[in-house]
Amino acid sequence: MIQVSIPLIPADDGTLLIPADHVTTLLRRLAVDWTESMGIGDIHADERTVRDLSGVLTEVADQIDVECIAFASVPDP
């Protein structure tokens, strides 16, 4: 099982934020962990379902990366 440390950053309004790169790393590590756990028999679920769910986590991580890149690439006015 994976262990992940994620920093929480307080915003001015008291909301806690998580850096996007930590979120995407977590999603990708979960996807890999599920796939590896399936391979060694730790997860008793349909292989296709686990593979599909892992794929969805990876796609979400990719989308977050794309949106962050697009946001960071917008020039200041």
C-alpha atoms as a PDB file:
ATOM      1  CA  MET A   1       0.000   0.000   0.000  1.00  0.00           C
ATOM      2  CA  ILE A   2       1.271   3.459  -0.823  1.00  0.00           C
ATOM      3  CA  GLN A   3       2.006   6.198   1.666  1.00  0.00           C
ATOM      4  CA  VAL A   4       1.871   9.778   0.472  1.00  0.00           C
ATOM      5  CA  SER A   5       2.576  13.008   2.285  1.00  0.00           C
ATOM      6  CA  ILE A   6       0.645  15.946   0.858  1.00  0.00           C
ATOM      7  CA  PRO A   7       1.283  19.505   2.016  1.00  0.00           C
ATOM      8  CA  LEU A   8      -1.725  21.651   2.804  1.00  0.00           C
ATOM      9  CA  ILE A   9      -1.424  25.342   2.038  1.00  0.00           C
ATOM     10  CA  PRO A  10      -3.800  27.720   3.832  1.00  0.00           C
ATOM     11  CA  ALA A  11      -5.392  30.368   1.611  1.00  0.00           C
ATOM     12  CA  ASP A  12      -6.202  33.863   2.869  1.00  0.00           C
ATOM     13  CA  ASP A  13      -9.819  32.835   3.486  1.00  0.00           C
ATOM     14  CA  GLY A  14      -8.814  29.795   5.566  1.00  0.00           C
ATOM     15  CA  THR A  15      -9.445  27.287   2.788  1.00  0.00           C
ATOM     16  CA  LEU A  16      -6.826  24.557   2.565  1.00  0.00           C
ATOM     17  CA  LEU A  17      -5.236  24.024  -0.837  1.00  0.00           C
ATOM     18  CA  ILE A  18      -3.207  21.122  -2.199  1.00  0.00           C
ATOM     19  CA  PRO A  19      -0.567  21.761  -4.879  1.00  0.00           C
ATOM     20  CA  ALA A  20      -1.751  20.384  -8.238  1.00  0.00           C
ATOM     21  CA  ASP A  21       1.455  18.412  -8.813  1.00  0.00           C
ATOM     22  CA  HIS A  22       0.851  16.550  -5.549  1.00  0.00           C
ATOM     23  CA  VAL A  23      -2.718  15.748  -6.584  1.00  0.00           C
ATOM     24  CA  THR A  24      -1.642  14.394  -9.973  1.00  0.00           C
ATOM     25  CA  THR A  25       1.164  12.369  -8.380  1.00  0.00           C
ATOM     26  CA  LEU A  26      -1.328  10.889  -5.915  1.00  0.00           C
ATOM     27  CA  LEU A  27      -3.776   9.964  -8.687  1.00  0.00           C
ATOM     28  CA  ARG A  28      -1.057   8.315 -10.767  1.00  0.00           C
ATOM     29  CA  ARG A  29       0.350   6.422  -7.775  1.00  0.00           C
ATOM     30  CA  LEU A  30      -3.123   5.142  -6.896  1.00  0.00           C
ATOM     31  CA  ALA A  31      -3.591   3.917 -10.459  1.00  0.00           C
ATOM     32  CA  VAL A  32      -0.247   2.084 -10.389  1.00  0.00           C
ATOM     33  CA  ASP A  33      -0.929   0.687  -6.901  1.00  0.00           C
ATOM     34  CA  TRP A  34      -4.307  -0.696  -7.979  1.00  0.00           C
ATOM     35  CA  THR A  35      -2.779  -2.317 -11.053  1.00  0.00           C
ATOM     36  CA  GLU A  36       0.102  -3.816  -9.074  1.00  0.00           C
ATOM     37  CA  SER A  37      -2.231  -5.020  -6.312  1.00  0.00           C
ATOM     38  CA  MET A  38      -4.369  -6.735  -8.910  1.00  0.00           C
ATOM     39  CA  GLY A  39      -1.286  -8.460 -10.308  1.00  0.00           C
ATOM     40  CA  ILE A  40      -0.357  -9.965  -6.945  1.00  0.00           C
ATOM     41  CA  GLY A  41      -3.909 -10.846  -5.955  1.00  0.00           C
ATOM     42  CA  ASP A  42      -4.445  -8.214  -3.241  1.00  0.00           C
ATOM     43  CA  ILE A  43      -7.546  -6.880  -4.992  1.00  0.00           C
ATOM     44  CA  HIS A  44     -10.363  -9.305  -5.627  1.00  0.00           C
ATOM     45  CA  ALA A  45     -12.156  -7.507  -8.423  1.00  0.00           C
ATOM     46  CA  ASP A  46     -12.658  -7.793 -12.120  1.00  0.00           C
ATOM     47  CA  GLU A  47      -9.336  -7.096 -13.862  1.00  0.00           C
ATOM     48  CA  ARG A  48     -10.964  -4.991 -16.572  1.00  0.00           C
ATOM     49  CA  THR A  49     -12.736  -2.832 -13.968  1.00  0.00           C
ATOM     50  CA  VAL A  50      -9.486  -2.196 -12.084  1.00  0.00           C
ATOM     51  CA  ARG A  51      -7.688  -1.409 -15.349  1.00  0.00           C
ATOM     52  CA  ASP A  52     -10.482   0.954 -16.442  1.00  0.00           C
ATOM     53  CA  LEU A  53     -10.563   2.750 -13.089  1.00  0.00           C
ATOM     54  CA  SER A  54      -6.780   3.086 -13.138  1.00  0.00           C
ATOM     55  CA  GLY A  55      -7.048   4.546 -16.619  1.00  0.00           C
ATOM     56  CA  VAL A  56      -9.631   7.074 -15.459  1.00  0.00           C
ATOM     57  CA  LEU A  57      -7.366   8.210 -12.600  1.00  0.00           C
ATOM     58  CA  THR A  58      -4.502   8.670 -15.042  1.00  0.00           C
ATOM     59  CA  GLU A  59      -6.731  10.613 -17.461  1.00  0.00           C
ATOM     60  CA  VAL A  60      -7.884  12.927 -14.652  1.00  0.00           C
ATOM     61  CA  ALA A  61      -4.244  13.519 -13.658  1.00  0.00           C
ATOM     62  CA  ASP A  62      -3.370  14.282 -17.289  1.00  0.00           C
ATOM     63  CA  GLN A  63      -6.283  16.722 -17.578  1.00  0.00           C
ATOM     64  CA  ILE A  64      -5.236  18.537 -14.409  1.00  0.00           C
ATOM     65  CA  ASP A  65      -1.697  18.825 -15.804  1.00  0.00           C
ATOM     66  CA  VAL A  66      -2.985  20.207 -19.114  1.00  0.00           C
ATOM     67  CA  GLU A  67      -5.196  22.765 -17.383  1.00  0.00           C
ATOM     68  CA  CYS A  68      -2.353  23.874 -15.092  1.00  0.00           C
ATOM     69  CA  ILE A  69       0.010  24.241 -18.048  1.00  0.00           C
ATOM     70  CA  ALA A  70      -2.592  26.280 -19.905  1.00  0.00           C
ATOM     71  CA  PHE A  71      -3.176  28.483 -16.859  1.00  0.00           C
ATOM     72  CA  ALA A  72       0.550  29.023 -16.300  1.00  0.00           C
ATOM     73  CA  SER A  73       1.082  29.791 -20.003  1.00  0.00           C
ATOM     74  CA  VAL A  74      -1.359  32.711 -20.135  1.00  0.00           C
ATOM     75  CA  PRO A  75       0.691  35.901 -20.393  1.00  0.00           C
ATOM     76  CA  ASP A  76       0.097  38.690 -17.884  1.00  0.00           C
ATOM     77  CA  PRO A  77      -1.853  41.605 -19.407  1.00  0.00           C
END
